[in-house]
Each structure stands twice: as C-alpha cells, then as structure tokens.
Amino acid sequence: MRLLVLGGTLFLGRHVVAAALARGHDVATFTRGVTGSPPDGVRALHGDRDDPGVLPAALGEWRPELVVDTSCQSRAAARHAAAVLGDVRGYAFVSSLNAYRNWPPGPVRSEDDPVWQTDDDEYGPIKAAAERELGAVLGDRFLTARAGLIVGPHDTVDRLGWWLRRIARGGRVAVPDALEQPLAVVDARDLAGWLVEMAERGVGGPVTATGPVGMTTLGGLLAVCREVTGSDAALVPVPEEELLAAGVEPWQDLPLWLPQDVAATAWAVDTTRARRLGLPVRPVRESVADTWAWLRDAGELPAPPHGRPRPGLDPGREARLLAGH
C-alpha cells in the first residue's frame, strides 16, 4: 500500500521507513529536508507542516492509504494533516506519556487517565491537542501511541548515548544514588514496525507504548553499558541531595535520572493494551549493544532535534561532585 511517513529521516522516523519498506509498501516521507534523505526508492517530499498549503501541494496526485506520523510538534501541524489525510485507511500517531495530565510523576493506570485539555504551548498539551484534532476526523482509524523512553541506533536525542560514551571512557563515574530506580524503555525498531502494523490493520484508540513495568532499573541499564563497552568504569553513587544542591538537573545533566519523589510513580505505567496489541519487548542488552555499535561509527552527532539541549554532565562539574566520594 501507499504509506506516508510524516518525518522519516531522524531517529524513529527512519526506522518506520525501514519497516514499511521491509513490508513491501510504496513509501513517501514528508520532512523539512534539513536532516538528511530517505533511502533509495522512497519519495522524498518536503515542506513545513505548519503551512496549510504545503502538504497537499507536495503530495500532488500521490495519495497515501496509510500514515505514520512521527513529526507533529504543533497544533497547526495536526490540523493541516487532518484536513488532507482524513480519508486514509489507518493513521498511527506518535504521541507521548507527557500527554497525560498527571505524568510525570504518574502513575498511569490506563489509557483512560486524563490528558491535557489546556492551550498551553508546551509539549504535553500540544500532543494531547494533536490527538484530539486528528482523532475527531479519523475516528477509529486513528491510533495514538503515547510513547515513553525510546532507545536504539540513530538516537540523536542522545540520553543513552551519553551514558555509553561516558562509561566507555572509564574511571570514576558520578551516578545518582538511585540505581534501584525502575526504568522502562522501548526500542525504536520495535515501535516502528509495530506502528506500521497498526496502521495496516486500522487499529484505533490510545495506547501507552513503552516497555513493561519492572523491565530494568537505572543501575541495571548502566551495568549493561559497562558490559557492552568493555569498560573498567567505577560507578560512584552521589546522594540526591548533593546533586540537587549542586544544581544538577535531573534527566538533563544526568540522563534518565529522576528525583525519588518523581521516580517512585513515574515508571508505574500500565502497558496492558500495548502488550495485547503485540508491541514487542526487545532485551535491554540488545538495544544497548546495538546503540553502542552505531555510536562507534556515527562520528559527531548532530544537535538534538527540536532545539533540545545536549544532555550530559560536563567533566568539570563531575570532578567536583566526585571530589568528596
């Protein structure tokens, strides 16, 4: 079938393209044209989704039957897609756990938990508004995947990648004293293939699309990073109060770390529907090892998408934290 990927040259989008090609679809991507090109055999369409006339002009007479939307970052982008693509057979939309009004800190007990209803110009409310905009037109042909922490090769957001590079350098590594903090991830390749399948089947409704509760911990993930890099790094736990007093920003300066009062419930996320619909759970070690293999050949990474700052703790700050331990 004719399948349009909104996005398609960055992290998750490029894996969606690969999955769609592997399943025999006639694939087109629609991007701004600034982050690379799709593989040979894929129609490369370009434009700004916030401009109402650009998408229909780019499509011309090529009409998609299926859509996987990985790139919606504004209410206007959702509105314009709904106006042009409302007649497709299946539309899989990548939303976020941030669409839930109470996450973080959570917990998320089911897809029926309340989502944002405000007009705030922030990530969660925008994703929730986009869900409503597209769902109103597509009805039960619209699936919204409220994704959690996505990992895997080609991840330019670079949270897991930062830890891999830091641990590979060896020596004493400052880590939060929260290594038993639970953590759940979904591999981009698994999510991508599943999104294509959901669009093919015309499955609708919201799905909390991440790994199951209890799949790993922060300490378990960092131990795997040490294993796959062959590092002799010594993980040195630093108390949370010291980290916060030093201005270390959770999730940003020390990626994947959340303060105890948030982490206690943030990873209590029910994924029953995702499991029932067949979203795979790849072993964490495989995701980490494949990410490391990619990083070793990737060279200097581009800036993180959507203007995000680069994650990670600079060496000087880390040295000061380690001085007392």
C-alpha atoms as a PDB file:
ATOM      1  CA  MET A   1       0.000   0.000   0.000  1.00  0.00           C
ATOM      2  CA  ARG A   2       0.992   3.636  -0.291  1.00  0.00           C
ATOM      3  CA  LEU A   3       2.340   4.701   3.098  1.00  0.00           C
ATOM      4  CA  LEU A   4       3.290   8.247   4.076  1.00  0.00           C
ATOM      5  CA  VAL A   5       5.722   8.863   6.915  1.00  0.00           C
ATOM      6  CA  LEU A   6       5.418  12.344   8.352  1.00  0.00           C
ATOM      7  CA  GLY A   7       9.045  12.630   9.345  1.00  0.00           C
ATOM      8  CA  GLY A   8      11.247   9.787   8.223  1.00  0.00           C
ATOM      9  CA  THR A   9      14.875  10.892   8.270  1.00  0.00           C
ATOM     10  CA  LEU A  10      15.554  11.166  12.001  1.00  0.00           C
ATOM     11  CA  PHE A  11      15.575   8.545  14.737  1.00  0.00           C
ATOM     12  CA  LEU A  12      12.170   6.868  14.965  1.00  0.00           C
ATOM     13  CA  GLY A  13      11.062   8.028  11.527  1.00  0.00           C
ATOM     14  CA  ARG A  14      13.949   6.384   9.713  1.00  0.00           C
ATOM     15  CA  HIS A  15      13.127   3.084  11.441  1.00  0.00           C
ATOM     16  CA  VAL A  16       9.488   3.467  10.377  1.00  0.00           C
ATOM     17  CA  VAL A  17      10.637   3.908   6.776  1.00  0.00           C
ATOM     18  CA  ALA A  18      12.806   0.782   7.015  1.00  0.00           C
ATOM     19  CA  ALA A  19       9.926  -1.228   8.478  1.00  0.00           C
ATOM     20  CA  ALA A  20       7.481  -0.022   5.826  1.00  0.00           C
ATOM     21  CA  LEU A  21       9.881  -0.892   3.007  1.00  0.00           C
ATOM     22  CA  ALA A  22      10.504  -4.324   4.510  1.00  0.00           C
ATOM     23  CA  ARG A  23       6.751  -4.922   4.495  1.00  0.00           C
ATOM     24  CA  GLY A  24       6.521  -4.067   0.806  1.00  0.00           C
ATOM     25  CA  HIS A  25       4.870  -0.648   0.926  1.00  0.00           C
ATOM     26  CA  ASP A  26       5.242   2.202  -1.545  1.00  0.00           C
ATOM     27  CA  VAL A  27       6.737   4.768   0.863  1.00  0.00           C
ATOM     28  CA  ALA A  28       6.969   8.547   0.864  1.00  0.00           C
ATOM     29  CA  THR A  29       8.427  10.817   3.539  1.00  0.00           C
ATOM     30  CA  PHE A  30       7.400  14.389   4.253  1.00  0.00           C
ATOM     31  CA  THR A  31      10.066  16.419   6.034  1.00  0.00           C
ATOM     32  CA  ARG A  32      11.562  19.889   6.071  1.00  0.00           C
ATOM     33  CA  GLY A  33      14.509  18.496   4.144  1.00  0.00           C
ATOM     34  CA  VAL A  34      17.174  19.577   6.632  1.00  0.00           C
ATOM     35  CA  THR A  35      18.070  16.333   8.429  1.00  0.00           C
ATOM     36  CA  GLY A  36      19.050  14.036   5.588  1.00  0.00           C
ATOM     37  CA  SER A  37      17.397  11.995   2.872  1.00  0.00           C
ATOM     38  CA  PRO A  38      15.400   8.763   2.947  1.00  0.00           C
ATOM     39  CA  PRO A  39      16.730   5.576   1.338  1.00  0.00           C
ATOM     40  CA  ASP A  40      16.640   4.983  -2.399  1.00  0.00           C
ATOM     41  CA  GLY A  41      13.198   4.076  -3.625  1.00  0.00           C
ATOM     42  CA  VAL A  42      11.391   6.379  -1.192  1.00  0.00           C
ATOM     43  CA  ARG A  43       9.617   9.523  -2.391  1.00  0.00           C
ATOM     44  CA  ALA A  44      11.183  12.485  -0.603  1.00  0.00           C
ATOM     45  CA  LEU A  45       8.561  15.223  -0.149  1.00  0.00           C
ATOM     46  CA  HIS A  46       9.465  18.474   1.564  1.00  0.00           C
ATOM     47  CA  GLY A  47       7.747  21.325   3.330  1.00  0.00           C
ATOM     48  CA  ASP A  48       6.716  22.949   6.591  1.00  0.00           C
ATOM     49  CA  ARG A  49       3.736  21.229   8.231  1.00  0.00           C
ATOM     50  CA  ASP A  50       2.651  24.487   9.811  1.00  0.00           C
ATOM     51  CA  ASP A  51       1.850  25.902   6.349  1.00  0.00           C
ATOM     52  CA  PRO A  52      -1.636  24.697   5.336  1.00  0.00           C
ATOM     53  CA  GLY A  53      -0.940  24.555   1.602  1.00  0.00           C
ATOM     54  CA  VAL A  54       2.381  22.739   1.594  1.00  0.00           C
ATOM     55  CA  LEU A  55       1.370  19.132   2.316  1.00  0.00           C
ATOM     56  CA  PRO A  56      -1.356  18.870  -0.368  1.00  0.00           C
ATOM     57  CA  ALA A  57       0.952  20.509  -2.898  1.00  0.00           C
ATOM     58  CA  ALA A  58       3.768  18.105  -2.053  1.00  0.00           C
ATOM     59  CA  LEU A  59       1.516  15.053  -2.335  1.00  0.00           C
ATOM     60  CA  GLY A  60       0.068  16.054  -5.685  1.00  0.00           C
ATOM     61  CA  GLU A  61      -1.700  13.066  -7.195  1.00  0.00           C
ATOM     62  CA  TRP A  62       0.095  10.564  -4.957  1.00  0.00           C
ATOM     63  CA  ARG A  63      -2.487   9.719  -2.310  1.00  0.00           C
ATOM     64  CA  PRO A  64      -1.449   7.683   0.726  1.00  0.00           C
ATOM     65  CA  GLU A  65      -3.578   4.882   2.087  1.00  0.00           C
ATOM     66  CA  LEU A  66      -1.682   4.683   5.386  1.00  0.00           C
ATOM     67  CA  VAL A  67       0.102   7.281   7.531  1.00  0.00           C
ATOM     68  CA  VAL A  68       2.636   7.021  10.346  1.00  0.00           C
ATOM     69  CA  ASP A  69       3.125  10.433  11.930  1.00  0.00           C
ATOM     70  CA  THR A  70       6.390  10.826  13.859  1.00  0.00           C
ATOM     71  CA  SER A  71       6.934  14.576  13.491  1.00  0.00           C
ATOM     72  CA  CYS A  72       3.921  16.513  14.795  1.00  0.00           C
ATOM     73  CA  GLN A  73       5.156  19.323  17.056  1.00  0.00           C
ATOM     74  CA  SER A  74       2.308  21.856  16.851  1.00  0.00           C
ATOM     75  CA  ARG A  75      -1.450  22.166  16.831  1.00  0.00           C
ATOM     76  CA  ALA A  76      -1.285  23.634  13.323  1.00  0.00           C
ATOM     77  CA  ALA A  77       0.636  20.608  12.036  1.00  0.00           C
ATOM     78  CA  ALA A  78      -2.074  18.280  13.361  1.00  0.00           C
ATOM     79  CA  ARG A  79      -4.878  20.435  11.982  1.00  0.00           C
ATOM     80  CA  HIS A  80      -3.366  20.565   8.499  1.00  0.00           C
ATOM     81  CA  ALA A  81      -2.697  16.820   8.440  1.00  0.00           C
ATOM     82  CA  ALA A  82      -6.290  16.129   9.474  1.00  0.00           C
ATOM     83  CA  ALA A  83      -7.574  18.321   6.657  1.00  0.00           C
ATOM     84  CA  VAL A  84      -5.550  16.498   3.996  1.00  0.00           C
ATOM     85  CA  LEU A  85      -5.265  12.918   5.270  1.00  0.00           C
ATOM     86  CA  GLY A  86      -8.632  12.281   6.886  1.00  0.00           C
ATOM     87  CA  ASP A  87      -9.625   9.598   4.370  1.00  0.00           C
ATOM     88  CA  VAL A  88      -6.706   7.185   4.888  1.00  0.00           C
ATOM     89  CA  ARG A  89      -7.312   3.596   5.986  1.00  0.00           C
ATOM     90  CA  GLY A  90      -5.065   3.810   9.027  1.00  0.00           C
ATOM     91  CA  TYR A  91      -3.196   6.599  10.800  1.00  0.00           C
ATOM     92  CA  ALA A  92      -0.674   5.830  13.565  1.00  0.00           C
ATOM     93  CA  PHE A  93       0.371   8.909  15.524  1.00  0.00           C
ATOM     94  CA  VAL A  94       3.382   9.150  17.840  1.00  0.00           C
ATOM     95  CA  SER A  95       2.312  10.972  20.976  1.00  0.00           C
ATOM     96  CA  SER A  96       3.941  10.863  24.408  1.00  0.00           C
ATOM     97  CA  LEU A  97       3.399   9.915  28.019  1.00  0.00           C
ATOM     98  CA  ASN A  98       3.548  13.687  28.538  1.00  0.00           C
ATOM     99  CA  ALA A  99       0.056  13.886  27.037  1.00  0.00           C
ATOM    100  CA  TYR A 100      -1.234  12.515  30.363  1.00  0.00           C
ATOM    101  CA  ARG A 101      -2.075  15.402  32.655  1.00  0.00           C
ATOM    102  CA  ASN A 102      -0.546  13.728  35.712  1.00  0.00           C
ATOM    103  CA  TRP A 103       2.680  12.414  34.128  1.00  0.00           C
ATOM    104  CA  PRO A 104       5.219  12.896  35.483  1.00  0.00           C
ATOM    105  CA  PRO A 105       5.001  11.891  38.298  1.00  0.00           C
ATOM    106  CA  GLY A 106       2.196   9.487  37.368  1.00  0.00           C
ATOM    107  CA  PRO A 107       1.294   6.731  37.824  1.00  0.00           C
ATOM    108  CA  VAL A 108      -0.534   5.968  34.564  1.00  0.00           C
ATOM    109  CA  ARG A 109      -3.152   3.354  35.374  1.00  0.00           C
ATOM    110  CA  SER A 110      -4.748   3.082  31.911  1.00  0.00           C
ATOM    111  CA  GLU A 111      -5.263   4.930  28.636  1.00  0.00           C
ATOM    112  CA  ASP A 112      -8.408   6.394  30.198  1.00  0.00           C
ATOM    113  CA  ASP A 113      -6.339   8.547  32.571  1.00  0.00           C
ATOM    114  CA  PRO A 114      -6.972  12.267  31.920  1.00  0.00           C
ATOM    115  CA  VAL A 115      -4.914  14.072  29.286  1.00  0.00           C
ATOM    116  CA  TRP A 116      -4.152  17.775  28.989  1.00  0.00           C
ATOM    117  CA  GLN A 117      -7.048  19.992  27.874  1.00  0.00           C
ATOM    118  CA  THR A 118      -5.266  23.338  28.076  1.00  0.00           C
ATOM    119  CA  ASP A 119      -3.991  25.676  25.370  1.00  0.00           C
ATOM    120  CA  ASP A 120      -0.532  25.876  26.907  1.00  0.00           C
ATOM    121  CA  ASP A 121       2.289  25.983  24.375  1.00  0.00           C
ATOM    122  CA  GLU A 122       4.127  23.067  25.973  1.00  0.00           C
ATOM    123  CA  TYR A 123       4.976  19.583  24.760  1.00  0.00           C
ATOM    124  CA  GLY A 124       2.340  17.567  26.659  1.00  0.00           C
ATOM    125  CA  PRO A 125      -0.637  19.853  25.982  1.00  0.00           C
ATOM    126  CA  ILE A 126       0.370  20.136  22.307  1.00  0.00           C
ATOM    127  CA  LYS A 127       0.499  16.351  21.903  1.00  0.00           C
ATOM    128  CA  ALA A 128      -2.870  15.944  23.621  1.00  0.00           C
ATOM    129  CA  ALA A 129      -4.415  18.637  21.407  1.00  0.00           C
ATOM    130  CA  ALA A 130      -2.983  16.981  18.299  1.00  0.00           C
ATOM    131  CA  GLU A 131      -4.551  13.676  19.368  1.00  0.00           C
ATOM    132  CA  ARG A 132      -7.960  15.347  19.602  1.00  0.00           C
ATOM    133  CA  GLU A 133      -7.584  17.203  16.297  1.00  0.00           C
ATOM    134  CA  LEU A 134      -6.689  14.112  14.305  1.00  0.00           C
ATOM    135  CA  GLY A 135      -8.973  11.754  16.207  1.00  0.00           C
ATOM    136  CA  ALA A 136     -12.005  13.944  15.537  1.00  0.00           C
ATOM    137  CA  VAL A 137     -11.542  13.437  11.792  1.00  0.00           C
ATOM    138  CA  LEU A 138     -10.193   9.874  11.617  1.00  0.00           C
ATOM    139  CA  GLY A 139     -12.268   8.253  14.354  1.00  0.00           C
ATOM    140  CA  ASP A 140     -11.492   4.592  14.972  1.00  0.00           C
ATOM    141  CA  ARG A 141      -8.865   4.573  12.179  1.00  0.00           C
ATOM    142  CA  PHE A 142      -6.622   6.739  14.361  1.00  0.00           C
ATOM    143  CA  LEU A 143      -4.158   5.180  16.791  1.00  0.00           C
ATOM    144  CA  THR A 144      -2.241   7.402  19.187  1.00  0.00           C
ATOM    145  CA  ALA A 145       0.878   5.789  20.614  1.00  0.00           C
ATOM    146  CA  ARG A 146       1.763   7.531  23.871  1.00  0.00           C
ATOM    147  CA  ALA A 147       5.405   6.605  23.780  1.00  0.00           C
ATOM    148  CA  GLY A 148       7.786   6.564  26.708  1.00  0.00           C
ATOM    149  CA  LEU A 149      11.585   6.450  26.622  1.00  0.00           C
ATOM    150  CA  ILE A 150      12.659   5.384  23.107  1.00  0.00           C
ATOM    151  CA  VAL A 151      16.157   3.957  22.646  1.00  0.00           C
ATOM    152  CA  GLY A 152      18.190   2.371  19.873  1.00  0.00           C
ATOM    153  CA  PRO A 153      20.520   3.157  16.985  1.00  0.00           C
ATOM    154  CA  HIS A 154      20.315   6.611  15.351  1.00  0.00           C
ATOM    155  CA  ASP A 155      19.113   8.250  18.571  1.00  0.00           C
ATOM    156  CA  THR A 156      20.302  11.851  18.280  1.00  0.00           C
ATOM    157  CA  VAL A 157      18.466  12.877  21.465  1.00  0.00           C
ATOM    158  CA  ASP A 158      21.466  11.043  22.936  1.00  0.00           C
ATOM    159  CA  ARG A 159      20.486  10.245  26.525  1.00  0.00           C
ATOM    160  CA  LEU A 160      21.564   6.594  26.414  1.00  0.00           C
ATOM    161  CA  GLY A 161      24.388   7.534  24.052  1.00  0.00           C
ATOM    162  CA  TRP A 162      25.840   9.984  26.573  1.00  0.00           C
ATOM    163  CA  TRP A 163      25.993   7.306  29.245  1.00  0.00           C
ATOM    164  CA  LEU A 164      27.601   4.852  26.834  1.00  0.00           C
ATOM    165  CA  ARG A 165      30.335   7.296  25.861  1.00  0.00           C
ATOM    166  CA  ARG A 166      30.938   8.409  29.441  1.00  0.00           C
ATOM    167  CA  ILE A 167      31.183   4.876  30.793  1.00  0.00           C
ATOM    168  CA  ALA A 168      33.386   3.823  27.867  1.00  0.00           C
ATOM    169  CA  ARG A 169      35.929   6.490  28.919  1.00  0.00           C
ATOM    170  CA  GLY A 170      36.310   4.630  32.203  1.00  0.00           C
ATOM    171  CA  GLY A 171      37.497   5.882  35.560  1.00  0.00           C
ATOM    172  CA  ARG A 172      35.217   7.025  38.354  1.00  0.00           C
ATOM    173  CA  VAL A 173      31.768   7.917  37.028  1.00  0.00           C
ATOM    174  CA  ALA A 174      29.338  10.025  39.062  1.00  0.00           C
ATOM    175  CA  VAL A 175      25.913   8.408  39.129  1.00  0.00           C
ATOM    176  CA  PRO A 176      22.793   9.141  41.186  1.00  0.00           C
ATOM    177  CA  ASP A 177      22.347   7.142  44.383  1.00  0.00           C
ATOM    178  CA  ALA A 178      19.138   5.871  42.802  1.00  0.00           C
ATOM    179  CA  LEU A 179      20.425   2.838  40.937  1.00  0.00           C
ATOM    180  CA  GLU A 180      17.419   0.765  42.015  1.00  0.00           C
ATOM    181  CA  GLN A 181      15.086   3.278  40.368  1.00  0.00           C
ATOM    182  CA  PRO A 182      12.874   1.356  37.923  1.00  0.00           C
ATOM    183  CA  LEU A 183      13.118   2.154  34.237  1.00  0.00           C
ATOM    184  CA  ALA A 184      11.216   1.154  31.125  1.00  0.00           C
ATOM    185  CA  VAL A 185      12.272   1.638  27.511  1.00  0.00           C
ATOM    186  CA  VAL A 186      11.024   0.772  24.041  1.00  0.00           C
ATOM    187  CA  ASP A 187      13.399   0.084  21.163  1.00  0.00           C
ATOM    188  CA  ALA A 188      12.758   2.391  18.206  1.00  0.00           C
ATOM    189  CA  ARG A 189      12.889  -0.542  15.794  1.00  0.00           C
ATOM    190  CA  ASP A 190      10.189  -2.419  17.687  1.00  0.00           C
ATOM    191  CA  LEU A 191       7.999   0.663  17.982  1.00  0.00           C
ATOM    192  CA  ALA A 192       8.470   1.477  14.290  1.00  0.00           C
ATOM    193  CA  GLY A 193       7.468  -1.944  12.991  1.00  0.00           C
ATOM    194  CA  TRP A 194       4.511  -2.047  15.351  1.00  0.00           C
ATOM    195  CA  LEU A 195       3.300   1.397  14.222  1.00  0.00           C
ATOM    196  CA  VAL A 196       3.342   0.271  10.595  1.00  0.00           C
ATOM    197  CA  GLU A 197       1.394  -2.864  11.507  1.00  0.00           C
ATOM    198  CA  MET A 198      -1.171  -0.877  13.494  1.00  0.00           C
ATOM    199  CA  ALA A 199      -1.730   1.453  10.516  1.00  0.00           C
ATOM    200  CA  GLU A 200      -2.114  -1.548   8.202  1.00  0.00           C
ATOM    201  CA  ARG A 201      -4.720  -3.063  10.490  1.00  0.00           C
ATOM    202  CA  GLY A 202      -6.519   0.239  11.025  1.00  0.00           C
ATOM    203  CA  VAL A 203      -6.292  -0.157  14.807  1.00  0.00           C
ATOM    204  CA  GLY A 204      -7.564   2.865  16.695  1.00  0.00           C
ATOM    205  CA  GLY A 205      -7.567   4.431  20.117  1.00  0.00           C
ATOM    206  CA  PRO A 206      -4.845   5.409  22.576  1.00  0.00           C
ATOM    207  CA  VAL A 207      -2.070   3.012  23.545  1.00  0.00           C
ATOM    208  CA  THR A 208       0.555   3.571  26.218  1.00  0.00           C
ATOM    209  CA  ALA A 209       3.504   2.440  24.106  1.00  0.00           C
ATOM    210  CA  THR A 210       6.537   1.704  26.231  1.00  0.00           C
ATOM    211  CA  GLY A 211       8.214  -1.212  27.962  1.00  0.00           C
ATOM    212  CA  PRO A 212       6.566  -3.102  30.805  1.00  0.00           C
ATOM    213  CA  VAL A 213       6.908  -2.193  34.451  1.00  0.00           C
ATOM    214  CA  GLY A 214       9.987  -3.757  36.018  1.00  0.00           C
ATOM    215  CA  MET A 215      11.914  -4.462  32.803  1.00  0.00           C
ATOM    216  CA  THR A 216      15.107  -2.898  34.204  1.00  0.00           C
ATOM    217  CA  THR A 217      16.497  -0.330  36.623  1.00  0.00           C
ATOM    218  CA  LEU A 218      18.786   2.637  36.161  1.00  0.00           C
ATOM    219  CA  GLY A 219      21.605   0.646  37.735  1.00  0.00           C
ATOM    220  CA  GLY A 220      20.839  -2.351  35.560  1.00  0.00           C
ATOM    221  CA  LEU A 221      20.978  -0.230  32.435  1.00  0.00           C
ATOM    222  CA  LEU A 222      24.292   1.369  33.427  1.00  0.00           C
ATOM    223  CA  ALA A 223      25.744  -2.047  34.224  1.00  0.00           C
ATOM    224  CA  VAL A 224      24.822  -3.179  30.710  1.00  0.00           C
ATOM    225  CA  CYS A 225      26.504  -0.048  29.332  1.00  0.00           C
ATOM    226  CA  ARG A 226      29.685  -1.020  31.164  1.00  0.00           C
ATOM    227  CA  GLU A 227      29.438  -4.584  29.895  1.00  0.00           C
ATOM    228  CA  VAL A 228      28.889  -3.793  26.208  1.00  0.00           C
ATOM    229  CA  THR A 229      31.607  -1.118  26.117  1.00  0.00           C
ATOM    230  CA  GLY A 230      34.111  -3.352  27.896  1.00  0.00           C
ATOM    231  CA  SER A 231      34.813  -0.524  30.329  1.00  0.00           C
ATOM    232  CA  ASP A 232      36.502  -0.674  33.714  1.00  0.00           C
ATOM    233  CA  ALA A 233      34.440   2.306  34.910  1.00  0.00           C
ATOM    234  CA  ALA A 234      33.634   2.511  38.621  1.00  0.00           C
ATOM    235  CA  LEU A 235      30.131   3.840  39.245  1.00  0.00           C
ATOM    236  CA  VAL A 236      30.257   6.231  42.214  1.00  0.00           C
ATOM    237  CA  PRO A 237      26.818   6.974  43.712  1.00  0.00           C
ATOM    238  CA  VAL A 238      26.308  10.595  44.731  1.00  0.00           C
ATOM    239  CA  PRO A 239      23.411  11.354  47.116  1.00  0.00           C
ATOM    240  CA  GLU A 240      20.435  13.056  45.553  1.00  0.00           C
ATOM    241  CA  GLU A 241      20.596  15.998  47.946  1.00  0.00           C
ATOM    242  CA  GLU A 242      24.180  16.700  46.850  1.00  0.00           C
ATOM    243  CA  LEU A 243      23.252  16.534  43.177  1.00  0.00           C
ATOM    244  CA  LEU A 244      20.329  18.913  43.597  1.00  0.00           C
ATOM    245  CA  ALA A 245      22.326  21.307  45.801  1.00  0.00           C
ATOM    246  CA  ALA A 246      24.985  21.454  43.074  1.00  0.00           C
ATOM    247  CA  GLY A 247      22.346  22.383  40.502  1.00  0.00           C
ATOM    248  CA  VAL A 248      22.482  19.068  38.639  1.00  0.00           C
ATOM    249  CA  GLU A 249      19.323  18.889  36.563  1.00  0.00           C
ATOM    250  CA  PRO A 250      17.523  15.530  36.627  1.00  0.00           C
ATOM    251  CA  TRP A 251      17.012  13.873  33.228  1.00  0.00           C
ATOM    252  CA  GLN A 252      19.163  16.513  31.509  1.00  0.00           C
ATOM    253  CA  ASP A 253      22.563  16.667  33.261  1.00  0.00           C
ATOM    254  CA  LEU A 254      22.380  13.049  34.385  1.00  0.00           C
ATOM    255  CA  PRO A 255      20.151  11.469  31.722  1.00  0.00           C
ATOM    256  CA  LEU A 256      17.427   9.024  32.768  1.00  0.00           C
ATOM    257  CA  TRP A 257      17.661  10.023  36.456  1.00  0.00           C
ATOM    258  CA  LEU A 258      14.530  11.306  38.182  1.00  0.00           C
ATOM    259  CA  PRO A 259      14.332  12.516  41.800  1.00  0.00           C
ATOM    260  CA  GLN A 260      12.962   9.972  44.233  1.00  0.00           C
ATOM    261  CA  ASP A 261       9.623  11.718  44.691  1.00  0.00           C
ATOM    262  CA  VAL A 262       9.024  11.549  40.930  1.00  0.00           C
ATOM    263  CA  ALA A 263      10.636   8.198  40.137  1.00  0.00           C
ATOM    264  CA  ALA A 264       8.504   6.460  42.753  1.00  0.00           C
ATOM    265  CA  THR A 265       5.495   6.645  40.431  1.00  0.00           C
ATOM    266  CA  ALA A 266       6.764   7.811  37.029  1.00  0.00           C
ATOM    267  CA  TRP A 267       7.602   4.273  35.934  1.00  0.00           C
ATOM    268  CA  ALA A 268       4.334   2.794  37.205  1.00  0.00           C
ATOM    269  CA  VAL A 269       2.815   2.855  33.732  1.00  0.00           C
ATOM    270  CA  ASP A 270       0.292   0.234  32.675  1.00  0.00           C
ATOM    271  CA  THR A 271       1.026  -1.179  29.203  1.00  0.00           C
ATOM    272  CA  THR A 272      -1.602  -3.917  29.096  1.00  0.00           C
ATOM    273  CA  ARG A 273      -3.102  -2.730  25.803  1.00  0.00           C
ATOM    274  CA  ALA A 274       0.310  -2.389  24.151  1.00  0.00           C
ATOM    275  CA  ARG A 275       1.173  -5.944  25.131  1.00  0.00           C
ATOM    276  CA  ARG A 276      -2.208  -7.200  23.905  1.00  0.00           C
ATOM    277  CA  LEU A 277      -1.643  -5.467  20.554  1.00  0.00           C
ATOM    278  CA  GLY A 278       1.761  -7.070  20.197  1.00  0.00           C
ATOM    279  CA  LEU A 279       4.228  -4.243  20.889  1.00  0.00           C
ATOM    280  CA  PRO A 280       7.493  -6.184  21.260  1.00  0.00           C
ATOM    281  CA  VAL A 281       9.822  -6.041  24.261  1.00  0.00           C
ATOM    282  CA  ARG A 282      13.390  -6.338  22.989  1.00  0.00           C
ATOM    283  CA  PRO A 283      16.034  -7.319  25.565  1.00  0.00           C
ATOM    284  CA  VAL A 284      17.672  -4.221  27.042  1.00  0.00           C
ATOM    285  CA  ARG A 285      21.128  -5.604  26.359  1.00  0.00           C
ATOM    286  CA  GLU A 286      20.383  -5.887  22.638  1.00  0.00           C
ATOM    287  CA  SER A 287      19.175  -2.287  22.441  1.00  0.00           C
ATOM    288  CA  VAL A 288      22.213  -1.020  24.335  1.00  0.00           C
ATOM    289  CA  ALA A 289      24.706  -3.099  22.353  1.00  0.00           C
ATOM    290  CA  ASP A 290      23.241  -2.034  19.016  1.00  0.00           C
ATOM    291  CA  THR A 291      23.245   1.615  20.080  1.00  0.00           C
ATOM    292  CA  TRP A 292      26.914   1.330  21.061  1.00  0.00           C
ATOM    293  CA  ALA A 293      27.787  -0.335  17.752  1.00  0.00           C
ATOM    294  CA  TRP A 294      26.103   2.518  15.886  1.00  0.00           C
ATOM    295  CA  LEU A 295      27.742   5.201  18.032  1.00  0.00           C
ATOM    296  CA  ARG A 296      31.214   3.832  17.352  1.00  0.00           C
ATOM    297  CA  ASP A 297      30.774   4.535  13.632  1.00  0.00           C
ATOM    298  CA  ALA A 298      28.477   7.567  13.829  1.00  0.00           C
ATOM    299  CA  GLY A 299      31.106  10.287  14.266  1.00  0.00           C
ATOM    300  CA  GLU A 300      29.994  13.617  15.674  1.00  0.00           C
ATOM    301  CA  LEU A 301      26.252  13.630  16.242  1.00  0.00           C
ATOM    302  CA  PRO A 302      24.070  16.485  15.003  1.00  0.00           C
ATOM    303  CA  ALA A 303      22.360  18.744  17.507  1.00  0.00           C
ATOM    304  CA  PRO A 304      19.387  17.102  19.236  1.00  0.00           C
ATOM    305  CA  PRO A 305      16.104  17.660  17.375  1.00  0.00           C
ATOM    306  CA  HIS A 306      13.531  20.360  18.055  1.00  0.00           C
ATOM    307  CA  GLY A 307      16.029  22.658  19.756  1.00  0.00           C
ATOM    308  CA  ARG A 308      16.610  20.380  22.732  1.00  0.00           C
ATOM    309  CA  PRO A 309      19.849  20.999  24.658  1.00  0.00           C
ATOM    310  CA  ARG A 310      22.510  18.319  24.619  1.00  0.00           C
ATOM    311  CA  PRO A 311      22.257  16.035  27.645  1.00  0.00           C
ATOM    312  CA  GLY A 312      25.075  15.184  29.985  1.00  0.00           C
ATOM    313  CA  LEU A 313      27.294  16.429  32.779  1.00  0.00           C
ATOM    314  CA  ASP A 314      30.472  18.253  31.806  1.00  0.00           C
ATOM    315  CA  PRO A 315      33.767  16.836  33.166  1.00  0.00           C
ATOM    316  CA  GLY A 316      34.485  19.783  35.467  1.00  0.00           C
ATOM    317  CA  ARG A 317      31.175  19.516  37.281  1.00  0.00           C
ATOM    318  CA  GLU A 318      31.542  15.750  37.520  1.00  0.00           C
ATOM    319  CA  ALA A 319      35.027  16.104  39.044  1.00  0.00           C
ATOM    320  CA  ARG A 320      33.681  18.439  41.718  1.00  0.00           C
ATOM    321  CA  LEU A 321      30.901  16.007  42.559  1.00  0.00           C
ATOM    322  CA  LEU A 322      33.358  13.130  42.808  1.00  0.00           C
ATOM    323  CA  ALA A 323      35.829  15.039  44.980  1.00  0.00           C
ATOM    324  CA  GLY A 324      34.055  14.100  48.200  1.00  0.00           C
ATOM    325  CA  HIS A 325      33.459  10.445  47.359  1.00  0.00           C
END
